[in-house]
Amino acid sequence: MFIASGKSPPCFKDFTLVMPAVAVGNVGQLAADLIVSTLNMSRVGYMHTDCLIPMAGNNPYATCKEDAEEELHTPAEVYAAPELKLAVLQIRAPIIQSKSKRFRQLILTWIKASGFFRTVVLSRSHAYQRDDQQLQGPPLRYLVTPSLLKVSADALKELGWREMERVAAYPGLIDANAEPCLCIPGGGITKGLFTDSCAEDLPLAVLLLFCSEGNNIPDAFTLVNHLNDWLHLLDTPSQAPNSWKTPTSWNLLFGSGIPPALF
């Protein structure tokens, strides 16, 4: 359930919603951080649900100590930039495995009720589990529902992105009767959100990268640059240096430094 921060709920009619899929490597969440921080988006509400592991913390986008300690932030928050007709749902906690389907339905119900023009899910997939055909070209792939393809086909064609390939259900086994299937290993709820959106005729796209675990900050910059090529969030070209502003919370991504007392 969406709960607004102010007295009246915000209007998301014809907005674009960007959200991460909680996946291995946190590439989607890091990319969402860059968008919220760079565009100085305002928090307009949060999702109240028991489908996420409960957590709370300081403001991850604070610019000074006072801002960081002013209020608590929760696992799933919504930020908005009305001048761009853009909203970001940032998810900071893992989804409880037994409640994954219920969480997907919660999100899709909110998307329909809010009247979003389109939804873009930022995700990733294990690089080491790529099919032979997926080794070709850049690591970016996309998926788009029929509803969104009707209005975005020309733009996607101009971008020259590759659609996510369908692969054999059982790699290495040749079965002429088996149809290729969509497989996104390490992508969390990405596949479920996409298939549910197709079934409910919702305009949704998925942008994902094939990447490995480790320091995924470079992958986040790559993903958000591709998103900017489509949505034109920045006035400057996305490939220009220092286009994106990293949030202060990234200073703690890998914990504090090694205590000198150890030596």
C-alpha atoms as a PDB file:
ATOM      1  CA  MET A   1       0.000   0.000   0.000  1.00  0.00           C
ATOM      2  CA  PHE A   2       1.327   3.440  -0.969  1.00  0.00           C
ATOM      3  CA  ILE A   3       1.350   6.034   1.816  1.00  0.00           C
ATOM      4  CA  ALA A   4       1.965   9.660   0.847  1.00  0.00           C
ATOM      5  CA  SER A   5       4.382  11.831   2.809  1.00  0.00           C
ATOM      6  CA  GLY A   6       2.194  14.944   2.547  1.00  0.00           C
ATOM      7  CA  LYS A   7      -1.423  15.635   3.392  1.00  0.00           C
ATOM      8  CA  SER A   8      -2.595  14.930  -0.160  1.00  0.00           C
ATOM      9  CA  PRO A   9      -1.394  12.068  -2.375  1.00  0.00           C
ATOM     10  CA  PRO A  10       0.791  13.029  -5.358  1.00  0.00           C
ATOM     11  CA  CYS A  11      -0.557  12.719  -8.893  1.00  0.00           C
ATOM     12  CA  PHE A  12       1.396  10.291 -11.093  1.00  0.00           C
ATOM     13  CA  LYS A  13      -0.869  10.512 -14.136  1.00  0.00           C
ATOM     14  CA  ASP A  14       1.240  10.055 -17.305  1.00  0.00           C
ATOM     15  CA  PHE A  15       4.476   9.824 -15.284  1.00  0.00           C
ATOM     16  CA  THR A  16       7.277   7.413 -16.105  1.00  0.00           C
ATOM     17  CA  LEU A  17       8.076   5.104 -13.185  1.00  0.00           C
ATOM     18  CA  VAL A  18      11.608   3.772 -12.794  1.00  0.00           C
ATOM     19  CA  MET A  19      12.189   0.981 -10.289  1.00  0.00           C
ATOM     20  CA  PRO A  20      14.912  -1.574  -9.581  1.00  0.00           C
ATOM     21  CA  ALA A  21      14.473  -5.297  -9.309  1.00  0.00           C
ATOM     22  CA  VAL A  22      16.171  -6.559  -6.166  1.00  0.00           C
ATOM     23  CA  ALA A  23      18.797  -8.702  -7.848  1.00  0.00           C
ATOM     24  CA  VAL A  24      22.288 -10.014  -7.245  1.00  0.00           C
ATOM     25  CA  GLY A  25      24.813  -7.183  -7.335  1.00  0.00           C
ATOM     26  CA  ASN A  26      22.260  -4.415  -6.614  1.00  0.00           C
ATOM     27  CA  VAL A  27      22.890  -2.815 -10.030  1.00  0.00           C
ATOM     28  CA  GLY A  28      19.293  -1.598 -10.331  1.00  0.00           C
ATOM     29  CA  GLN A  29      19.293  -0.039  -6.870  1.00  0.00           C
ATOM     30  CA  LEU A  30      22.613   1.708  -7.494  1.00  0.00           C
ATOM     31  CA  ALA A  31      21.315   3.098 -10.793  1.00  0.00           C
ATOM     32  CA  ALA A  32      18.153   4.341  -9.054  1.00  0.00           C
ATOM     33  CA  ASP A  33      20.359   6.027  -6.441  1.00  0.00           C
ATOM     34  CA  LEU A  34      22.159   7.940  -9.186  1.00  0.00           C
ATOM     35  CA  ILE A  35      18.875   9.167 -10.656  1.00  0.00           C
ATOM     36  CA  VAL A  36      17.430  10.325  -7.328  1.00  0.00           C
ATOM     37  CA  SER A  37      20.665  11.998  -6.237  1.00  0.00           C
ATOM     38  CA  THR A  38      21.469  13.714  -9.542  1.00  0.00           C
ATOM     39  CA  LEU A  39      17.954  15.038 -10.157  1.00  0.00           C
ATOM     40  CA  ASN A  40      17.544  16.009  -6.480  1.00  0.00           C
ATOM     41  CA  MET A  41      14.204  14.233  -6.398  1.00  0.00           C
ATOM     42  CA  SER A  42      11.848  14.706  -3.455  1.00  0.00           C
ATOM     43  CA  ARG A  43      10.476  11.852  -1.393  1.00  0.00           C
ATOM     44  CA  VAL A  44       6.702  11.818  -1.810  1.00  0.00           C
ATOM     45  CA  GLY A  45       5.766   8.585  -0.032  1.00  0.00           C
ATOM     46  CA  TYR A  46       6.593   4.985   0.705  1.00  0.00           C
ATOM     47  CA  MET A  47       5.229   1.482   0.238  1.00  0.00           C
ATOM     48  CA  HIS A  48       3.899  -0.093   3.420  1.00  0.00           C
ATOM     49  CA  THR A  49       4.189  -3.870   3.080  1.00  0.00           C
ATOM     50  CA  ASP A  50       5.261  -6.945   4.998  1.00  0.00           C
ATOM     51  CA  CYS A  51       6.738  -8.480   1.838  1.00  0.00           C
ATOM     52  CA  LEU A  52      10.123  -6.817   2.401  1.00  0.00           C
ATOM     53  CA  ILE A  53      12.604  -7.484   5.174  1.00  0.00           C
ATOM     54  CA  PRO A  54      11.982  -4.579   7.613  1.00  0.00           C
ATOM     55  CA  MET A  55      14.733  -2.011   7.939  1.00  0.00           C
ATOM     56  CA  ALA A  56      15.202   1.697   8.594  1.00  0.00           C
ATOM     57  CA  GLY A  57      18.063   4.128   8.274  1.00  0.00           C
ATOM     58  CA  ASN A  58      19.170   7.709   7.785  1.00  0.00           C
ATOM     59  CA  ASN A  59      18.629   9.737   4.632  1.00  0.00           C
ATOM     60  CA  PRO A  60      20.883   8.121   1.985  1.00  0.00           C
ATOM     61  CA  TYR A  61      20.893  11.304  -0.110  1.00  0.00           C
ATOM     62  CA  ALA A  62      21.733  13.761   2.675  1.00  0.00           C
ATOM     63  CA  THR A  63      24.168  16.549   1.863  1.00  0.00           C
ATOM     64  CA  CYS A  64      24.968  17.403   5.472  1.00  0.00           C
ATOM     65  CA  LYS A  65      24.843  15.750   8.887  1.00  0.00           C
ATOM     66  CA  GLU A  66      21.633  17.561   9.861  1.00  0.00           C
ATOM     67  CA  ASP A  67      19.795  16.265   6.807  1.00  0.00           C
ATOM     68  CA  ALA A  68      21.015  12.726   7.466  1.00  0.00           C
ATOM     69  CA  GLU A  69      19.630  12.646  10.993  1.00  0.00           C
ATOM     70  CA  GLU A  70      16.389  14.552  10.392  1.00  0.00           C
ATOM     71  CA  GLU A  71      14.143  11.575   9.560  1.00  0.00           C
ATOM     72  CA  LEU A  72      14.148   7.836   9.080  1.00  0.00           C
ATOM     73  CA  HIS A  73      13.914   6.179   5.701  1.00  0.00           C
ATOM     74  CA  THR A  74      12.282   2.838   4.932  1.00  0.00           C
ATOM     75  CA  PRO A  75      12.847  -0.129   2.557  1.00  0.00           C
ATOM     76  CA  ALA A  76      10.614   1.040  -0.319  1.00  0.00           C
ATOM     77  CA  GLU A  77      10.262   4.758  -0.987  1.00  0.00           C
ATOM     78  CA  VAL A  78       8.886   6.819  -3.863  1.00  0.00           C
ATOM     79  CA  TYR A  79      10.660   9.913  -5.177  1.00  0.00           C
ATOM     80  CA  ALA A  80       9.326  12.330  -7.784  1.00  0.00           C
ATOM     81  CA  ALA A  81      10.481  15.022 -10.205  1.00  0.00           C
ATOM     82  CA  PRO A  82       7.192  16.558 -11.419  1.00  0.00           C
ATOM     83  CA  GLU A  83       8.902  18.798 -13.978  1.00  0.00           C
ATOM     84  CA  LEU A  84      10.172  15.655 -15.741  1.00  0.00           C
ATOM     85  CA  LYS A  85       7.036  13.612 -15.056  1.00  0.00           C
ATOM     86  CA  LEU A  86       9.337  11.068 -13.452  1.00  0.00           C
ATOM     87  CA  ALA A  87       8.942   8.909 -10.364  1.00  0.00           C
ATOM     88  CA  VAL A  88      11.414   6.447  -8.850  1.00  0.00           C
ATOM     89  CA  LEU A  89      10.466   3.601  -6.547  1.00  0.00           C
ATOM     90  CA  GLN A  90      13.648   2.757  -4.677  1.00  0.00           C
ATOM     91  CA  ILE A  91      13.697  -0.662  -2.980  1.00  0.00           C
ATOM     92  CA  ARG A  92      16.453  -1.156  -0.422  1.00  0.00           C
ATOM     93  CA  ALA A  93      15.630  -4.501   1.193  1.00  0.00           C
ATOM     94  CA  PRO A  94      15.316  -8.079  -0.064  1.00  0.00           C
ATOM     95  CA  ILE A  95      11.879  -9.481  -0.783  1.00  0.00           C
ATOM     96  CA  ILE A  96      10.771 -12.299   1.497  1.00  0.00           C
ATOM     97  CA  GLN A  97      10.886 -15.339  -0.767  1.00  0.00           C
ATOM     98  CA  SER A  98       7.487 -16.729   0.170  1.00  0.00           C
ATOM     99  CA  LYS A  99       5.860 -13.332  -0.523  1.00  0.00           C
ATOM    100  CA  SER A 100       7.422 -12.577  -3.900  1.00  0.00           C
ATOM    101  CA  LYS A 101       4.212 -13.083  -5.887  1.00  0.00           C
ATOM    102  CA  ARG A 102       2.184 -10.970  -3.472  1.00  0.00           C
ATOM    103  CA  PHE A 103       4.746  -8.168  -3.699  1.00  0.00           C
ATOM    104  CA  ARG A 104       4.607  -8.209  -7.491  1.00  0.00           C
ATOM    105  CA  GLN A 105       0.830  -7.919  -7.401  1.00  0.00           C
ATOM    106  CA  LEU A 106       1.062  -5.062  -4.878  1.00  0.00           C
ATOM    107  CA  ILE A 107       3.370  -3.138  -7.196  1.00  0.00           C
ATOM    108  CA  LEU A 108       1.281  -3.777 -10.320  1.00  0.00           C
ATOM    109  CA  THR A 109      -1.945  -2.794  -8.554  1.00  0.00           C
ATOM    110  CA  TRP A 110      -0.344   0.489  -7.470  1.00  0.00           C
ATOM    111  CA  ILE A 111       1.017   1.117 -10.982  1.00  0.00           C
ATOM    112  CA  LYS A 112      -2.451   0.668 -12.507  1.00  0.00           C
ATOM    113  CA  ALA A 113      -4.163   2.799  -9.869  1.00  0.00           C
ATOM    114  CA  SER A 114      -1.615   5.620 -10.264  1.00  0.00           C
ATOM    115  CA  GLY A 115      -1.977   5.916 -14.034  1.00  0.00           C
ATOM    116  CA  PHE A 116       1.704   5.721 -14.953  1.00  0.00           C
ATOM    117  CA  PHE A 117       2.409   6.138 -18.665  1.00  0.00           C
ATOM    118  CA  ARG A 118       5.118   3.471 -18.535  1.00  0.00           C
ATOM    119  CA  THR A 119       7.269   1.582 -16.068  1.00  0.00           C
ATOM    120  CA  VAL A 120      10.953   0.808 -16.543  1.00  0.00           C
ATOM    121  CA  VAL A 121      12.504  -1.948 -14.417  1.00  0.00           C
ATOM    122  CA  LEU A 122      16.291  -1.832 -13.949  1.00  0.00           C
ATOM    123  CA  SER A 123      17.835  -5.244 -13.439  1.00  0.00           C
ATOM    124  CA  ARG A 124      20.743  -7.574 -14.142  1.00  0.00           C
ATOM    125  CA  SER A 125      21.482 -11.177 -15.011  1.00  0.00           C
ATOM    126  CA  HIS A 126      24.412 -13.453 -14.236  1.00  0.00           C
ATOM    127  CA  ALA A 127      27.106 -12.991 -16.879  1.00  0.00           C
ATOM    128  CA  TYR A 128      28.446 -16.519 -16.370  1.00  0.00           C
ATOM    129  CA  GLN A 129      25.078 -18.090 -17.270  1.00  0.00           C
ATOM    130  CA  ARG A 130      24.776 -16.515 -20.708  1.00  0.00           C
ATOM    131  CA  ASP A 131      23.798 -18.611 -23.686  1.00  0.00           C
ATOM    132  CA  ASP A 132      26.192 -18.649 -26.675  1.00  0.00           C
ATOM    133  CA  GLN A 133      24.056 -16.159 -28.602  1.00  0.00           C
ATOM    134  CA  GLN A 134      24.037 -13.832 -25.583  1.00  0.00           C
ATOM    135  CA  LEU A 135      27.825 -13.556 -25.697  1.00  0.00           C
ATOM    136  CA  GLN A 136      27.533 -11.429 -28.828  1.00  0.00           C
ATOM    137  CA  GLY A 137      27.313  -7.664 -28.699  1.00  0.00           C
ATOM    138  CA  PRO A 138      27.176  -5.365 -25.660  1.00  0.00           C
ATOM    139  CA  PRO A 139      25.926  -6.652 -22.274  1.00  0.00           C
ATOM    140  CA  LEU A 140      22.703  -4.590 -22.341  1.00  0.00           C
ATOM    141  CA  ARG A 141      19.396  -6.325 -23.081  1.00  0.00           C
ATOM    142  CA  TYR A 142      15.792  -5.148 -22.969  1.00  0.00           C
ATOM    143  CA  LEU A 143      12.299  -6.566 -22.728  1.00  0.00           C
ATOM    144  CA  VAL A 144       9.094  -4.712 -23.545  1.00  0.00           C
ATOM    145  CA  THR A 145       5.453  -5.656 -23.138  1.00  0.00           C
ATOM    146  CA  PRO A 146       3.137  -5.526 -26.185  1.00  0.00           C
ATOM    147  CA  SER A 147       1.288  -2.585 -24.622  1.00  0.00           C
ATOM    148  CA  LEU A 148       4.437  -0.435 -24.454  1.00  0.00           C
ATOM    149  CA  LEU A 149       5.824  -1.671 -27.772  1.00  0.00           C
ATOM    150  CA  LYS A 150       2.882  -0.049 -29.562  1.00  0.00           C
ATOM    151  CA  VAL A 151       4.101   3.423 -28.548  1.00  0.00           C
ATOM    152  CA  SER A 152       7.852   2.845 -28.193  1.00  0.00           C
ATOM    153  CA  ALA A 153       8.804   0.613 -31.144  1.00  0.00           C
ATOM    154  CA  ASP A 154      10.415   3.418 -33.165  1.00  0.00           C
ATOM    155  CA  ALA A 155      12.424   4.758 -30.214  1.00  0.00           C
ATOM    156  CA  LEU A 156      13.739   1.315 -29.294  1.00  0.00           C
ATOM    157  CA  LYS A 157      14.651   0.604 -32.908  1.00  0.00           C
ATOM    158  CA  GLU A 158      16.577   3.872 -33.102  1.00  0.00           C
ATOM    159  CA  LEU A 159      18.523   3.021 -29.930  1.00  0.00           C
ATOM    160  CA  GLY A 160      19.692  -0.220 -31.498  1.00  0.00           C
ATOM    161  CA  TRP A 161      19.402  -2.268 -28.312  1.00  0.00           C
ATOM    162  CA  ARG A 162      19.183  -6.061 -28.415  1.00  0.00           C
ATOM    163  CA  GLU A 163      16.100  -7.752 -27.041  1.00  0.00           C
ATOM    164  CA  MET A 164      16.705 -10.397 -24.376  1.00  0.00           C
ATOM    165  CA  GLU A 165      17.106 -13.712 -26.165  1.00  0.00           C
ATOM    166  CA  ARG A 166      14.985 -16.727 -25.298  1.00  0.00           C
ATOM    167  CA  VAL A 167      17.126 -19.756 -24.494  1.00  0.00           C
ATOM    168  CA  ALA A 168      16.677 -23.515 -24.251  1.00  0.00           C
ATOM    169  CA  ALA A 169      14.869 -24.642 -21.129  1.00  0.00           C
ATOM    170  CA  TYR A 170      17.589 -27.237 -20.537  1.00  0.00           C
ATOM    171  CA  PRO A 171      20.920 -25.944 -21.906  1.00  0.00           C
ATOM    172  CA  GLY A 172      22.948 -28.600 -23.661  1.00  0.00           C
ATOM    173  CA  LEU A 173      19.953 -30.782 -24.492  1.00  0.00           C
ATOM    174  CA  ILE A 174      18.578 -30.728 -28.027  1.00  0.00           C
ATOM    175  CA  ASP A 175      14.808 -31.092 -28.157  1.00  0.00           C
ATOM    176  CA  ALA A 176      13.080 -30.062 -31.370  1.00  0.00           C
ATOM    177  CA  ASN A 177       9.727 -29.897 -29.587  1.00  0.00           C
ATOM    178  CA  ALA A 178      10.857 -27.630 -26.761  1.00  0.00           C
ATOM    179  CA  GLU A 179      10.232 -23.908 -27.171  1.00  0.00           C
ATOM    180  CA  PRO A 180      12.899 -21.404 -26.042  1.00  0.00           C
ATOM    181  CA  CYS A 181      12.002 -19.676 -22.791  1.00  0.00           C
ATOM    182  CA  LEU A 182      12.810 -16.441 -21.015  1.00  0.00           C
ATOM    183  CA  CYS A 183      15.503 -16.971 -18.390  1.00  0.00           C
ATOM    184  CA  ILE A 184      16.974 -14.214 -16.189  1.00  0.00           C
ATOM    185  CA  PRO A 185      19.208 -15.931 -13.597  1.00  0.00           C
ATOM    186  CA  GLY A 186      20.032 -13.654 -10.681  1.00  0.00           C
ATOM    187  CA  GLY A 187      17.337 -11.185 -11.747  1.00  0.00           C
ATOM    188  CA  GLY A 188      15.032 -11.531  -8.735  1.00  0.00           C
ATOM    189  CA  ILE A 189      11.421 -10.644  -9.576  1.00  0.00           C
ATOM    190  CA  THR A 190      12.310  -9.297 -13.034  1.00  0.00           C
ATOM    191  CA  LYS A 191      10.841 -12.191 -15.015  1.00  0.00           C
ATOM    192  CA  GLY A 192       7.733 -12.372 -12.835  1.00  0.00           C
ATOM    193  CA  LEU A 193       7.053  -8.631 -13.152  1.00  0.00           C
ATOM    194  CA  PHE A 194       7.460  -8.784 -16.908  1.00  0.00           C
ATOM    195  CA  THR A 195       5.226 -11.817 -17.467  1.00  0.00           C
ATOM    196  CA  ASP A 196       2.586 -10.448 -15.074  1.00  0.00           C
ATOM    197  CA  SER A 197       2.630  -7.103 -16.912  1.00  0.00           C
ATOM    198  CA  CYS A 198       2.208  -8.855 -20.254  1.00  0.00           C
ATOM    199  CA  ALA A 199      -0.780 -10.763 -18.890  1.00  0.00           C
ATOM    200  CA  GLU A 200      -2.357  -7.576 -17.484  1.00  0.00           C
ATOM    201  CA  ASP A 201      -1.552  -5.483 -20.583  1.00  0.00           C
ATOM    202  CA  LEU A 202       0.588  -2.960 -18.700  1.00  0.00           C
ATOM    203  CA  PRO A 203       3.174  -0.754 -20.466  1.00  0.00           C
ATOM    204  CA  LEU A 204       6.422  -2.002 -18.917  1.00  0.00           C
ATOM    205  CA  ALA A 205      10.012  -2.346 -20.086  1.00  0.00           C
ATOM    206  CA  VAL A 206      13.014  -4.075 -18.539  1.00  0.00           C
ATOM    207  CA  LEU A 207      16.588  -2.852 -18.975  1.00  0.00           C
ATOM    208  CA  LEU A 208      19.208  -5.290 -17.732  1.00  0.00           C
ATOM    209  CA  LEU A 209      22.921  -5.912 -17.894  1.00  0.00           C
ATOM    210  CA  PHE A 210      24.835  -9.149 -17.913  1.00  0.00           C
ATOM    211  CA  CYS A 211      27.333  -8.658 -15.108  1.00  0.00           C
ATOM    212  CA  SER A 212      29.236 -10.422 -12.353  1.00  0.00           C
ATOM    213  CA  GLU A 213      29.227  -9.973  -8.601  1.00  0.00           C
ATOM    214  CA  GLY A 214      31.692  -7.627  -6.965  1.00  0.00           C
ATOM    215  CA  ASN A 215      31.979  -3.859  -7.248  1.00  0.00           C
ATOM    216  CA  ASN A 216      28.988  -3.139  -9.494  1.00  0.00           C
ATOM    217  CA  ILE A 217      29.242   0.654  -9.426  1.00  0.00           C
ATOM    218  CA  PRO A 218      30.608   0.775 -13.014  1.00  0.00           C
ATOM    219  CA  ASP A 219      27.681  -1.413 -14.111  1.00  0.00           C
ATOM    220  CA  ALA A 220      25.241   1.020 -12.472  1.00  0.00           C
ATOM    221  CA  PHE A 221      26.722   3.927 -14.434  1.00  0.00           C
ATOM    222  CA  THR A 222      26.492   1.902 -17.646  1.00  0.00           C
ATOM    223  CA  LEU A 223      22.853   1.002 -17.001  1.00  0.00           C
ATOM    224  CA  VAL A 224      21.757   4.526 -16.084  1.00  0.00           C
ATOM    225  CA  ASN A 225      23.559   5.941 -19.141  1.00  0.00           C
ATOM    226  CA  HIS A 226      21.576   3.608 -21.387  1.00  0.00           C
ATOM    227  CA  LEU A 227      18.372   4.649 -19.617  1.00  0.00           C
ATOM    228  CA  ASN A 228      19.255   8.290 -20.189  1.00  0.00           C
ATOM    229  CA  ASP A 229      19.747   7.631 -23.905  1.00  0.00           C
ATOM    230  CA  TRP A 230      16.063   6.678 -23.989  1.00  0.00           C
ATOM    231  CA  LEU A 231      14.417   8.975 -21.443  1.00  0.00           C
ATOM    232  CA  HIS A 232      16.745  12.009 -21.751  1.00  0.00           C
ATOM    233  CA  LEU A 233      16.852  12.703 -18.031  1.00  0.00           C
ATOM    234  CA  LEU A 234      19.946  14.907 -18.248  1.00  0.00           C
ATOM    235  CA  ASP A 235      20.495  18.035 -20.331  1.00  0.00           C
ATOM    236  CA  THR A 236      24.090  16.966 -21.002  1.00  0.00           C
ATOM    237  CA  PRO A 237      25.028  13.767 -22.884  1.00  0.00           C
ATOM    238  CA  SER A 238      25.013  10.754 -20.569  1.00  0.00           C
ATOM    239  CA  GLN A 239      28.560   9.810 -21.563  1.00  0.00           C
ATOM    240  CA  ALA A 240      29.975  13.173 -20.446  1.00  0.00           C
ATOM    241  CA  PRO A 241      32.236  12.998 -17.368  1.00  0.00           C
ATOM    242  CA  ASN A 242      30.665  13.718 -13.991  1.00  0.00           C
ATOM    243  CA  SER A 243      27.134  13.715 -15.405  1.00  0.00           C
ATOM    244  CA  TRP A 244      25.789  11.718 -12.473  1.00  0.00           C
ATOM    245  CA  LYS A 245      26.010  12.659  -8.805  1.00  0.00           C
ATOM    246  CA  THR A 246      26.796   9.827  -6.411  1.00  0.00           C
ATOM    247  CA  PRO A 247      24.915   9.920  -3.081  1.00  0.00           C
ATOM    248  CA  THR A 248      26.830  10.315   0.154  1.00  0.00           C
ATOM    249  CA  SER A 249      25.620   6.896   1.328  1.00  0.00           C
ATOM    250  CA  TRP A 250      27.896   5.276  -1.261  1.00  0.00           C
ATOM    251  CA  ASN A 251      30.844   6.137   0.981  1.00  0.00           C
ATOM    252  CA  LEU A 252      29.682   3.267   3.194  1.00  0.00           C
ATOM    253  CA  LEU A 253      28.943   0.683   0.487  1.00  0.00           C
ATOM    254  CA  PHE A 254      31.872  -1.470   1.563  1.00  0.00           C
ATOM    255  CA  GLY A 255      31.834  -0.548   5.237  1.00  0.00           C
ATOM    256  CA  SER A 256      34.354   1.540   7.092  1.00  0.00           C
ATOM    257  CA  GLY A 257      38.091   1.314   6.606  1.00  0.00           C
ATOM    258  CA  ILE A 258      40.384  -1.278   8.187  1.00  0.00           C
ATOM    259  CA  PRO A 259      40.959  -0.378  11.866  1.00  0.00           C
ATOM    260  CA  PRO A 260      44.609   0.717  12.319  1.00  0.00           C
ATOM    261  CA  ALA A 261      44.649  -1.168  15.657  1.00  0.00           C
ATOM    262  CA  LEU A 262      44.808  -4.436  13.709  1.00  0.00           C
ATOM    263  CA  PHE A 263      48.383  -3.581  12.804  1.00  0.00           C
END
